[in-house]
Amino acid sequence: MLKDPEFKKAYDALEPEFALASALIGKRIQRGLTQADLARLIGTKQSAIARLESGTYNSSLKMLEKVAKALDAKLTVKIS
């Protein structure tokens, strides 16, 4: 399917979201936290963490900062 130019374009457009989701999941697991644990740490619901980790939810920068802090991680935003 990646040989189809239209499909590849759509797939590539989603790469940043999936990279972020993968990084969040990895860091959460590394810290030994469940989605519910992380949600409690930042004062939200487990479903909000699940949406964030799905890679299809467009979260606010403020939410990402809270998650990074709870995971003892640094949030870096880059435009290049």
C-alpha atoms as a PDB file:
ATOM      1  CA  MET A   1       0.000   0.000   0.000  1.00  0.00           C
ATOM      2  CA  LEU A   2       2.924   2.346   0.616  1.00  0.00           C
ATOM      3  CA  LYS A   3       3.620   2.234  -3.128  1.00  0.00           C
ATOM      4  CA  ASP A   4       0.388   4.156  -3.706  1.00  0.00           C
ATOM      5  CA  PRO A   5       1.429   7.861  -3.651  1.00  0.00           C
ATOM      6  CA  GLU A   6      -1.846   9.042  -2.084  1.00  0.00           C
ATOM      7  CA  PHE A   7      -1.701   6.413   0.654  1.00  0.00           C
ATOM      8  CA  LYS A   8       1.973   7.126   1.353  1.00  0.00           C
ATOM      9  CA  LYS A   9       1.285  10.847   1.618  1.00  0.00           C
ATOM     10  CA  ALA A  10      -1.502  10.255   4.166  1.00  0.00           C
ATOM     11  CA  TYR A  11       0.641   7.723   6.043  1.00  0.00           C
ATOM     12  CA  ASP A  12       3.611  10.094   6.221  1.00  0.00           C
ATOM     13  CA  ALA A  13       1.389  12.922   7.446  1.00  0.00           C
ATOM     14  CA  LEU A  14       0.494  10.840  10.516  1.00  0.00           C
ATOM     15  CA  GLU A  15       4.099   9.985  11.421  1.00  0.00           C
ATOM     16  CA  PRO A  16       4.560  12.772  14.033  1.00  0.00           C
ATOM     17  CA  GLU A  17       1.424  11.737  15.922  1.00  0.00           C
ATOM     18  CA  PHE A  18       2.425   8.083  16.009  1.00  0.00           C
ATOM     19  CA  ALA A  19       6.009   8.924  16.997  1.00  0.00           C
ATOM     20  CA  LEU A  20       4.695  10.992  19.920  1.00  0.00           C
ATOM     21  CA  ALA A  21       2.297   8.244  20.972  1.00  0.00           C
ATOM     22  CA  SER A  22       5.058   5.649  20.828  1.00  0.00           C
ATOM     23  CA  ALA A  23       7.383   7.813  22.919  1.00  0.00           C
ATOM     24  CA  LEU A  24       4.694   8.423  25.544  1.00  0.00           C
ATOM     25  CA  ILE A  25       3.797   4.740  25.801  1.00  0.00           C
ATOM     26  CA  GLY A  26       7.458   3.759  26.056  1.00  0.00           C
ATOM     27  CA  LYS A  27       8.194   6.299  28.776  1.00  0.00           C
ATOM     28  CA  ARG A  28       5.059   5.344  30.749  1.00  0.00           C
ATOM     29  CA  ILE A  29       5.955   1.649  30.614  1.00  0.00           C
ATOM     30  CA  GLN A  30       9.576   2.404  31.490  1.00  0.00           C
ATOM     31  CA  ARG A  31       8.317   4.172  34.614  1.00  0.00           C
ATOM     32  CA  GLY A  32       6.121   1.184  35.473  1.00  0.00           C
ATOM     33  CA  LEU A  33       2.878   3.136  35.220  1.00  0.00           C
ATOM     34  CA  THR A  34      -0.486   2.092  33.886  1.00  0.00           C
ATOM     35  CA  GLN A  35      -2.650   4.530  31.972  1.00  0.00           C
ATOM     36  CA  ALA A  36      -4.766   4.888  35.124  1.00  0.00           C
ATOM     37  CA  ASP A  37      -1.669   5.650  37.222  1.00  0.00           C
ATOM     38  CA  LEU A  38      -0.554   8.351  34.818  1.00  0.00           C
ATOM     39  CA  ALA A  39      -4.049   9.795  34.671  1.00  0.00           C
ATOM     40  CA  ARG A  40      -4.149  10.090  38.476  1.00  0.00           C
ATOM     41  CA  LEU A  41      -0.760  11.829  38.501  1.00  0.00           C
ATOM     42  CA  ILE A  42      -1.966  14.577  36.181  1.00  0.00           C
ATOM     43  CA  GLY A  43      -5.561  14.790  37.347  1.00  0.00           C
ATOM     44  CA  THR A  44      -7.370  13.371  34.351  1.00  0.00           C
ATOM     45  CA  LYS A  45      -9.173  10.182  33.355  1.00  0.00           C
ATOM     46  CA  GLN A  46      -7.607   6.992  32.016  1.00  0.00           C
ATOM     47  CA  SER A  47      -9.630   7.438  28.828  1.00  0.00           C
ATOM     48  CA  ALA A  48      -7.832  10.732  28.155  1.00  0.00           C
ATOM     49  CA  ILE A  49      -4.476   8.944  28.370  1.00  0.00           C
ATOM     50  CA  ALA A  50      -5.768   6.188  26.081  1.00  0.00           C
ATOM     51  CA  ARG A  51      -6.833   8.789  23.496  1.00  0.00           C
ATOM     52  CA  LEU A  52      -3.458  10.516  23.751  1.00  0.00           C
ATOM     53  CA  GLU A  53      -1.624   7.216  23.285  1.00  0.00           C
ATOM     54  CA  SER A  54      -3.795   6.266  20.311  1.00  0.00           C
ATOM     55  CA  GLY A  55      -1.840   8.679  18.123  1.00  0.00           C
ATOM     56  CA  THR A  56      -5.037  10.065  16.638  1.00  0.00           C
ATOM     57  CA  TYR A  57      -5.958  12.544  19.377  1.00  0.00           C
ATOM     58  CA  ASN A  58      -4.743  16.104  18.999  1.00  0.00           C
ATOM     59  CA  SER A  59      -3.696  17.074  22.518  1.00  0.00           C
ATOM     60  CA  SER A  60      -2.881  20.526  23.795  1.00  0.00           C
ATOM     61  CA  LEU A  61       0.657  21.557  24.577  1.00  0.00           C
ATOM     62  CA  LYS A  62      -0.436  22.111  28.180  1.00  0.00           C
ATOM     63  CA  MET A  63      -1.592  18.487  28.452  1.00  0.00           C
ATOM     64  CA  LEU A  64       1.656  17.235  26.938  1.00  0.00           C
ATOM     65  CA  GLU A  65       3.621  19.328  29.448  1.00  0.00           C
ATOM     66  CA  LYS A  66       1.674  17.753  32.333  1.00  0.00           C
ATOM     67  CA  VAL A  67       2.300  14.264  30.980  1.00  0.00           C
ATOM     68  CA  ALA A  68       6.013  14.941  30.475  1.00  0.00           C
ATOM     69  CA  LYS A  69       6.341  16.264  34.016  1.00  0.00           C
ATOM     70  CA  ALA A  70       4.504  13.249  35.463  1.00  0.00           C
ATOM     71  CA  LEU A  71       6.821  10.944  33.513  1.00  0.00           C
ATOM     72  CA  ASP A  72       9.887  12.881  34.689  1.00  0.00           C
ATOM     73  CA  ALA A  73      10.622  13.629  31.047  1.00  0.00           C
ATOM     74  CA  LYS A  74      11.412  16.708  29.007  1.00  0.00           C
ATOM     75  CA  LEU A  75       9.006  17.900  26.347  1.00  0.00           C
ATOM     76  CA  THR A  76      10.739  19.339  23.304  1.00  0.00           C
ATOM     77  CA  VAL A  77       8.859  20.918  20.418  1.00  0.00           C
ATOM     78  CA  LYS A  78      10.728  21.312  17.167  1.00  0.00           C
ATOM     79  CA  ILE A  79       9.776  22.891  13.890  1.00  0.00           C
ATOM     80  CA  SER A  80      12.176  22.292  11.049  1.00  0.00           C
END
